[in-house]
């Protein structure tokens, strides 16, 4: 199951050390990476030309990184313990593609064409498209979705080799498409004050496309007749109030007649005062049911993302998560406070098992 999807990845994996344990670090594209052990000293993590480095600690540690992009910046702060072993978190520090090639064509119906992480939409019948992707072999997904998850028919073209400009044969959903089928769902633990929404994402070879999005339970999915073994359809059911959101996600092929179970609603959560750096505290955090916690805040030109693993919370008996004020290489202007003009602040718990991914979120109320 996928917890997050962005571009650059931070990977921590176990290795041997004479005085403790080490984790290897992969952080391409970062302006800097620093680490602080439980003794409280910040040190720069040397990275090789591919963005690999190593952190050694006796127990818990903190890592900080900065991603600088033309229009914004992202501060990342992670708290973990060496026992976390293989740990990965995807950092939002996208590297621009070194080169792209075009795939072009026409479709008889209004709708969408998706390939390689890019989607184009057309409102006329027929319409033309050209999509820039990195040279590779992809599947292409076409549907009559208008961008709102309203598809009723879908077609998949397999293994398109796009290593130079490719002009494909015209797409016609009436000829090569198939109708989506209804997928009934049940939910066991929603509350009366929550609004329910369902969405479906179809993933094939290096391509994702929204199939369905709507209020209430139940969805439409692509039929098994056009799918192959490696295709996945992720069904997401959310229950939301003004300041909370609970989501359970599962692949359609793993669903049975049992009701889906939402994670618990986050209660007893307090965000910091306006003059304080972004922080969150709790009286009791149901972290045992999840893999890690994440606190995010965004202003007009930069964001801060704080994460902590379940083992770190349990090992330190932590009751709060806060942005550190003394990261040596971090420009103080990037230290967000709750009183700043923020677009949103939230704390989220994320976890997954063999069949489902679950997230529960609380948003900070505007003051």
Protein backbone atom coordinates (compact mmCIF):
# COMPACT_ATOMS: atom_id res chain seq x y z
CA UNK A 1 0.00 0.00 0.00
CA UNK A 2 1.17 3.54 -0.75
CA UNK A 3 1.10 6.11 2.00
CA UNK A 4 2.29 9.09 0.03
CA UNK A 5 3.29 9.88 -3.52
CA UNK A 6 5.82 12.57 -4.29
CA UNK A 7 9.19 12.54 -5.93
CA UNK A 8 12.40 12.33 -3.87
CA UNK A 9 12.83 9.62 -1.30
CA UNK A 10 14.50 9.51 2.13
CA UNK A 11 15.46 5.91 2.93
CA UNK A 12 16.82 4.71 6.26
CA UNK A 13 18.16 1.16 6.51
CA UNK A 14 20.04 -0.69 9.24
CA UNK A 15 23.80 -1.24 9.13
CA UNK A 16 26.52 -2.21 11.63
CA UNK A 17 28.43 0.22 13.83
CA UNK A 18 31.00 -0.38 16.54
CA UNK A 19 29.40 2.00 19.04
CA UNK A 20 25.72 1.69 18.16
CA UNK A 21 23.67 1.23 15.05
CA UNK A 22 23.58 3.12 11.79
CA UNK A 23 21.00 3.89 9.18
CA UNK A 24 21.82 4.66 5.58
CA UNK A 25 20.27 7.77 4.15
CA UNK A 26 19.21 8.61 0.59
CA UNK A 27 18.16 12.25 0.15
CA UNK A 28 18.81 13.44 -3.42
CA UNK A 29 18.14 17.07 -4.20
CA UNK A 30 18.34 18.33 -0.61
CA UNK A 31 20.20 21.59 0.15
CA UNK A 32 21.43 20.00 3.36
CA UNK A 33 20.80 17.07 5.69
CA UNK A 34 21.68 17.25 9.38
CA UNK A 35 21.18 14.84 12.25
CA UNK A 36 20.99 15.25 16.01
CA UNK A 37 21.53 12.36 18.40
CA UNK A 38 19.92 12.04 21.81
CA UNK A 39 22.92 13.99 23.17
CA UNK A 40 21.61 17.06 21.36
CA UNK A 41 24.46 17.94 18.97
CA UNK A 42 23.58 18.76 15.36
CA UNK A 43 25.97 17.39 12.72
CA UNK A 44 25.99 17.60 8.94
CA UNK A 45 25.38 14.30 7.17
CA UNK A 46 27.86 13.99 4.27
CA UNK A 47 26.15 12.85 1.07
CA UNK A 48 27.80 11.39 -1.98
CA UNK A 49 27.02 12.61 -5.50
CA UNK A 50 23.99 10.29 -5.63
CA UNK A 51 22.58 11.63 -2.36
CA UNK A 52 23.54 8.70 -0.12
CA UNK A 53 24.81 9.14 3.44
CA UNK A 54 24.79 7.46 6.86
CA UNK A 55 23.50 8.28 10.35
CA UNK A 56 24.78 6.44 13.44
CA UNK A 57 23.15 6.65 16.88
CA UNK A 58 22.85 4.62 20.06
CA UNK A 59 19.07 4.92 20.15
CA UNK A 60 16.80 7.76 19.08
CA UNK A 61 17.84 10.46 16.63
CA UNK A 62 16.49 13.39 14.66
CA UNK A 63 17.17 14.23 11.01
CA UNK A 64 16.51 17.56 9.30
CA UNK A 65 16.63 18.40 5.61
CA UNK A 66 15.82 21.36 3.37
CA UNK A 67 14.37 21.13 -0.11
CA UNK A 68 14.66 24.38 -2.09
CA UNK A 69 12.71 24.78 -5.32
CA UNK A 70 12.22 27.78 -7.62
CA UNK A 71 8.88 28.81 -6.09
CA UNK A 72 8.93 27.35 -2.60
CA UNK A 73 10.90 25.45 0.03
CA UNK A 74 10.12 22.51 2.31
CA UNK A 75 11.67 21.92 5.73
CA UNK A 76 11.65 18.28 6.77
CA UNK A 77 12.26 17.06 10.32
CA UNK A 78 12.14 13.37 11.22
CA UNK A 79 12.33 11.67 14.64
CA UNK A 80 13.12 7.97 14.78
CA UNK A 81 15.05 5.20 16.51
CA UNK A 82 17.63 2.86 15.02
CA UNK A 83 15.32 -0.10 15.69
CA UNK A 84 13.01 1.24 13.00
CA UNK A 85 15.20 -0.68 10.56
CA UNK A 86 14.14 -0.23 6.96
CA UNK A 87 12.32 3.06 6.95
CA UNK A 88 11.28 5.15 3.99
CA UNK A 89 9.55 8.47 3.73
CA UNK A 90 9.05 10.33 0.47
CA UNK A 91 10.27 13.90 0.56
CA UNK A 92 8.60 16.54 -1.60
CA UNK A 93 11.78 17.60 -3.41
CA UNK A 94 11.04 16.75 -7.04
CA UNK A 95 13.95 16.69 -9.44
CA UNK A 96 13.00 18.13 -12.84
CA UNK A 97 13.07 15.55 -15.64
CA UNK A 98 16.31 15.71 -17.59
CA UNK A 99 14.45 15.22 -20.86
CA UNK A 100 10.94 14.51 -22.10
CA UNK A 101 9.41 13.17 -25.29
CA UNK A 102 5.89 13.65 -26.60
CA UNK A 103 3.09 11.17 -26.98
CA UNK A 104 0.33 12.66 -29.14
CA UNK A 105 -3.03 11.58 -30.47
CA UNK A 106 -6.77 12.18 -30.59
CA UNK A 107 -9.77 10.76 -28.74
CA UNK A 108 -13.28 10.53 -30.15
CA UNK A 109 -15.02 11.32 -26.87
CA UNK A 110 -14.52 14.09 -24.31
CA UNK A 111 -12.60 12.75 -21.33
CA UNK A 112 -9.10 12.13 -20.06
CA UNK A 113 -5.88 10.47 -21.17
CA UNK A 114 -3.28 9.52 -18.54
CA UNK A 115 0.27 8.28 -19.00
CA UNK A 116 3.39 8.39 -16.84
CA UNK A 117 1.90 10.47 -14.04
CA UNK A 118 0.43 13.11 -16.40
CA UNK A 119 -3.24 13.52 -17.31
CA UNK A 120 -4.80 15.64 -20.05
CA UNK A 121 -8.50 16.46 -20.33
CA UNK A 122 -10.62 17.37 -23.35
CA UNK A 123 -14.13 18.81 -23.43
CA UNK A 124 -14.87 18.43 -27.14
CA UNK A 125 -15.58 15.40 -29.30
CA UNK A 126 -13.09 14.66 -30.77
CA UNK A 127 -10.08 16.37 -29.18
CA UNK A 128 -6.30 16.28 -29.54
CA UNK A 129 -3.63 15.85 -26.89
CA UNK A 130 0.14 15.75 -26.51
CA UNK A 131 1.76 14.65 -23.27
CA UNK A 132 5.40 15.02 -22.29
CA UNK A 133 6.93 12.07 -20.42
CA UNK A 134 10.39 10.78 -19.70
CA UNK A 135 11.57 8.17 -22.21
CA UNK A 136 10.26 4.79 -21.04
CA UNK A 137 7.64 2.11 -21.67
CA UNK A 138 4.20 2.92 -20.26
CA UNK A 139 0.59 1.85 -20.19
CA UNK A 140 -1.95 4.49 -21.25
CA UNK A 141 -5.35 4.88 -19.55
CA UNK A 142 -8.20 6.68 -21.33
CA UNK A 143 -11.67 7.32 -19.91
CA UNK A 144 -14.64 9.63 -20.26
CA UNK A 145 -13.81 11.27 -16.91
CA UNK A 146 -14.00 15.07 -17.05
CA UNK A 147 -11.62 15.57 -14.13
CA UNK A 148 -14.15 14.94 -11.37
CA UNK A 149 -13.90 11.15 -11.11
CA UNK A 150 -17.03 10.64 -13.21
CA UNK A 151 -15.77 7.95 -15.62
CA UNK A 152 -18.22 5.37 -16.97
CA UNK A 153 -15.95 3.76 -19.62
CA UNK A 154 -12.22 3.05 -19.68
CA UNK A 155 -9.65 1.74 -22.14
CA UNK A 156 -6.04 0.66 -21.50
CA UNK A 157 -3.29 0.47 -24.10
CA UNK A 158 -0.38 -1.62 -22.90
CA UNK A 159 3.38 -1.30 -23.19
CA UNK A 160 3.67 1.83 -25.30
CA UNK A 161 7.33 2.50 -26.06
CA UNK A 162 7.86 6.25 -25.77
CA UNK A 163 11.56 6.91 -26.44
CA UNK A 164 10.95 9.55 -29.08
CA UNK A 165 7.85 11.35 -30.27
CA UNK A 166 5.01 8.87 -30.73
CA UNK A 167 1.71 9.55 -32.55
CA UNK A 168 -0.72 6.84 -31.48
CA UNK A 169 -3.77 5.59 -33.34
CA UNK A 170 -6.99 7.47 -32.48
CA UNK A 171 -8.66 6.48 -29.23
CA UNK A 172 -12.35 5.58 -29.33
CA UNK A 173 -13.96 4.48 -26.08
CA UNK A 174 -16.99 3.12 -27.93
CA UNK A 175 -14.71 0.71 -29.80
CA UNK A 176 -11.94 -0.28 -27.38
CA UNK A 177 -13.37 0.83 -24.04
CA UNK A 178 -15.38 -1.17 -21.53
CA UNK A 179 -17.99 -0.05 -19.02
CA UNK A 180 -17.01 0.38 -15.39
CA UNK A 181 -18.80 -1.92 -12.94
CA UNK A 182 -20.40 -1.07 -9.62
CA UNK A 183 -18.52 -1.95 -6.45
CA UNK A 184 -20.76 -2.11 -3.36
CA UNK A 185 -19.10 -1.20 -0.07
CA UNK A 186 -20.03 -1.26 3.60
CA UNK A 187 -18.54 0.78 6.42
CA UNK A 188 -18.74 -0.37 9.99
CA UNK A 189 -17.86 2.58 12.20
CA UNK A 190 -18.73 5.96 10.69
CA UNK A 191 -20.34 8.57 12.93
CA UNK A 192 -23.52 10.47 12.22
CA UNK A 193 -21.70 13.82 12.01
CA UNK A 194 -19.26 12.63 9.31
CA UNK A 195 -19.60 13.07 5.56
CA UNK A 196 -18.66 9.95 3.58
CA UNK A 197 -16.84 10.03 0.25
CA UNK A 198 -15.39 7.29 -1.95
CA UNK A 199 -12.73 7.44 -4.67
CA UNK A 200 -10.94 4.91 -6.87
CA UNK A 201 -7.50 5.14 -8.52
CA UNK A 202 -6.48 2.67 -11.22
CA UNK A 203 -2.72 1.97 -11.41
CA UNK A 204 -1.10 0.15 -14.31
CA UNK A 205 2.47 0.13 -15.60
CA UNK A 206 3.87 3.55 -14.48
CA UNK A 207 0.45 5.22 -14.90
CA UNK A 208 -2.28 6.20 -12.42
CA UNK A 209 -5.75 7.52 -13.26
CA UNK A 210 -8.80 8.50 -11.21
CA UNK A 211 -11.74 6.28 -12.03
CA UNK A 212 -14.34 7.43 -9.55
CA UNK A 213 -15.04 10.06 -6.92
CA UNK A 214 -18.37 10.61 -5.23
CA UNK A 215 -20.22 11.15 -2.00
CA UNK A 216 -21.48 8.22 0.00
CA UNK A 217 -20.46 4.57 -0.15
CA UNK A 218 -20.10 2.57 -3.33
CA UNK A 219 -17.93 3.13 -6.37
CA UNK A 220 -17.27 2.17 -9.97
CA UNK A 221 -14.16 0.20 -10.95
CA UNK A 222 -12.64 -1.22 -14.11
CA UNK A 223 -13.78 -4.81 -14.74
CA UNK A 224 -11.35 -7.68 -14.31
CA UNK A 225 -11.64 -8.47 -18.02
CA UNK A 226 -9.25 -5.64 -18.97
CA UNK A 227 -6.86 -5.94 -16.03
CA UNK A 228 -3.61 -7.88 -15.68
CA UNK A 229 -2.10 -9.36 -12.55
CA UNK A 230 0.05 -6.32 -11.74
CA UNK A 231 -2.78 -3.75 -12.08
CA UNK A 232 -4.19 -2.29 -8.91
CA UNK A 233 -7.38 -0.36 -8.11
CA UNK A 234 -7.14 1.48 -4.81
CA UNK A 235 -10.48 2.22 -3.16
CA UNK A 236 -10.43 5.09 -0.66
CA UNK A 237 -13.29 5.74 1.76
CA UNK A 238 -13.15 8.90 3.86
CA UNK A 239 -15.28 10.18 6.74
CA UNK A 240 -14.88 13.87 7.51
CA UNK A 241 -16.11 16.63 9.79
CA UNK A 242 -15.07 20.28 9.74
CA UNK A 243 -11.80 19.53 11.55
CA UNK A 244 -11.23 15.77 11.26
CA UNK A 245 -10.76 13.22 8.50
CA UNK A 246 -10.52 9.44 8.64
CA UNK A 247 -9.57 7.38 5.60
CA UNK A 248 -9.32 3.66 4.94
CA UNK A 249 -7.85 2.46 1.63
CA UNK A 250 -7.76 -1.03 0.16
CA UNK A 251 -7.12 -2.63 -3.21
CA UNK A 252 -10.40 -3.74 -4.76
CA UNK A 253 -9.21 -7.31 -5.23
CA UNK A 254 -8.69 -7.69 -1.46
CA UNK A 255 -12.18 -6.52 -0.51
CA UNK A 256 -14.69 -9.06 0.77
CA UNK A 257 -18.13 -8.80 2.31
CA UNK A 258 -16.81 -7.57 5.66
CA UNK A 259 -17.37 -3.88 6.45
CA UNK A 260 -14.39 -1.56 6.07
CA UNK A 261 -13.13 -0.17 9.37
CA UNK A 262 -12.11 3.47 9.73
CA UNK A 263 -9.24 4.37 12.08
CA UNK A 264 -10.11 6.15 15.33
CA UNK A 265 -10.87 9.86 15.31
CA UNK A 266 -8.04 11.97 16.72
CA UNK A 267 -9.12 13.40 20.07
CA UNK A 268 -7.21 15.22 22.83
CA UNK A 269 -5.02 17.07 20.30
CA UNK A 270 -3.73 20.61 20.99
CA UNK A 271 -1.83 22.85 18.58
CA UNK A 272 0.64 25.46 19.80
CA UNK A 273 -0.12 29.11 20.55
CA UNK A 274 0.15 31.72 17.80
CA UNK A 275 3.60 32.92 18.89
CA UNK A 276 5.05 29.40 19.07
CA UNK A 277 6.81 27.42 16.34
CA UNK A 278 4.49 24.85 14.88
CA UNK A 279 3.84 22.06 17.35
CA UNK A 280 1.21 19.63 18.47
CA UNK A 281 0.68 17.92 21.83
CA UNK A 282 -1.63 15.16 22.93
CA UNK A 283 -3.04 13.58 26.05
CA UNK A 284 -3.19 10.10 24.50
CA UNK A 285 -2.13 9.25 20.96
CA UNK A 286 -3.33 5.95 19.42
CA UNK A 287 0.09 5.53 17.79
CA UNK A 288 0.18 1.76 18.44
CA UNK A 289 -2.29 1.33 15.55
CA UNK A 290 -0.12 3.28 13.09
CA UNK A 291 3.40 3.49 11.66
CA UNK A 292 4.16 7.18 12.12
CA UNK A 293 2.77 10.61 12.90
CA UNK A 294 3.07 13.68 10.67
CA UNK A 295 2.56 17.39 11.43
CA UNK A 296 2.40 19.76 8.46
CA UNK A 297 2.02 23.51 8.04
CA UNK A 298 2.22 25.65 4.89
CA UNK A 299 2.60 29.33 4.12
CA UNK A 300 2.50 31.02 0.72
CA UNK A 301 6.10 30.15 -0.14
CA UNK A 302 7.26 27.31 2.08
CA UNK A 303 6.11 24.36 4.18
CA UNK A 304 7.25 22.40 7.22
CA UNK A 305 6.75 18.65 7.57
CA UNK A 306 7.51 16.93 10.88
CA UNK A 307 7.36 13.14 11.18
CA UNK A 308 7.91 10.70 14.02
CA UNK A 309 7.83 6.93 13.98
CA UNK A 310 5.71 4.85 16.28
CA UNK A 311 8.81 3.42 17.96
CA UNK A 312 10.16 6.92 18.64
CA UNK A 313 6.90 8.00 20.29
CA UNK A 314 6.78 4.82 22.37
CA UNK A 315 10.50 4.81 23.27
CA UNK A 316 10.63 8.46 24.36
CA UNK A 317 7.10 8.47 25.81
CA UNK A 318 6.66 11.69 23.84
CA UNK A 319 3.59 13.86 24.39
CA UNK A 320 4.35 16.48 21.74
CA UNK A 321 5.99 17.07 18.38
CA UNK A 322 7.53 20.45 17.57
CA UNK A 323 9.77 22.19 15.06
CA UNK A 324 13.28 22.55 16.47
CA UNK A 325 14.43 26.21 16.65
CA UNK A 326 18.17 25.56 16.48
CA UNK A 327 18.84 23.64 13.24
CA UNK A 328 22.15 25.34 12.35
CA UNK A 329 21.86 25.49 8.55
CA UNK A 330 18.21 26.50 8.49
CA UNK A 331 17.39 30.13 7.73
CA UNK A 332 15.19 31.42 10.61
CA UNK A 333 12.77 32.87 8.05
CA UNK A 334 11.71 29.29 7.32
CA UNK A 335 10.65 28.66 10.92
CA UNK A 336 6.86 28.73 10.75
CA UNK A 337 4.76 29.83 13.74
CA UNK A 338 1.09 29.16 14.29
CA UNK A 339 0.35 32.88 14.09
CA UNK A 340 1.83 33.19 10.59
CA UNK A 341 -0.43 33.39 7.55
CA UNK A 342 -0.81 29.64 7.08
CA UNK A 343 -2.95 27.83 4.53
CA UNK A 344 -3.40 24.85 6.77
CA UNK A 345 -1.97 23.00 9.75
CA UNK A 346 -2.77 19.39 10.51
CA UNK A 347 -1.57 16.35 12.39
CA UNK A 348 -1.99 12.94 10.82
CA UNK A 349 -1.35 9.33 11.79
CA UNK A 350 -0.58 6.89 8.98
CA UNK A 351 -0.32 3.12 8.97
CA UNK A 352 -0.75 0.08 6.76
CA UNK A 353 -0.97 -3.67 6.91
CA UNK A 354 -1.30 -6.41 4.31
CA UNK A 355 -4.75 -5.30 3.17
CA UNK A 356 -5.42 -1.67 4.11
CA UNK A 357 -3.86 1.75 4.58
CA UNK A 358 -5.40 3.98 7.24
CA UNK A 359 -4.96 7.66 8.04
CA UNK A 360 -6.61 9.84 10.66
CA UNK A 361 -6.19 13.61 10.62
CA UNK A 362 -7.08 16.61 12.76
CA UNK A 363 -6.89 20.11 11.33
CA UNK A 364 -6.08 23.21 13.36
CA UNK A 365 -9.05 25.53 13.69
CA UNK A 366 -8.56 29.07 12.41
CA UNK A 367 -8.10 31.67 15.12
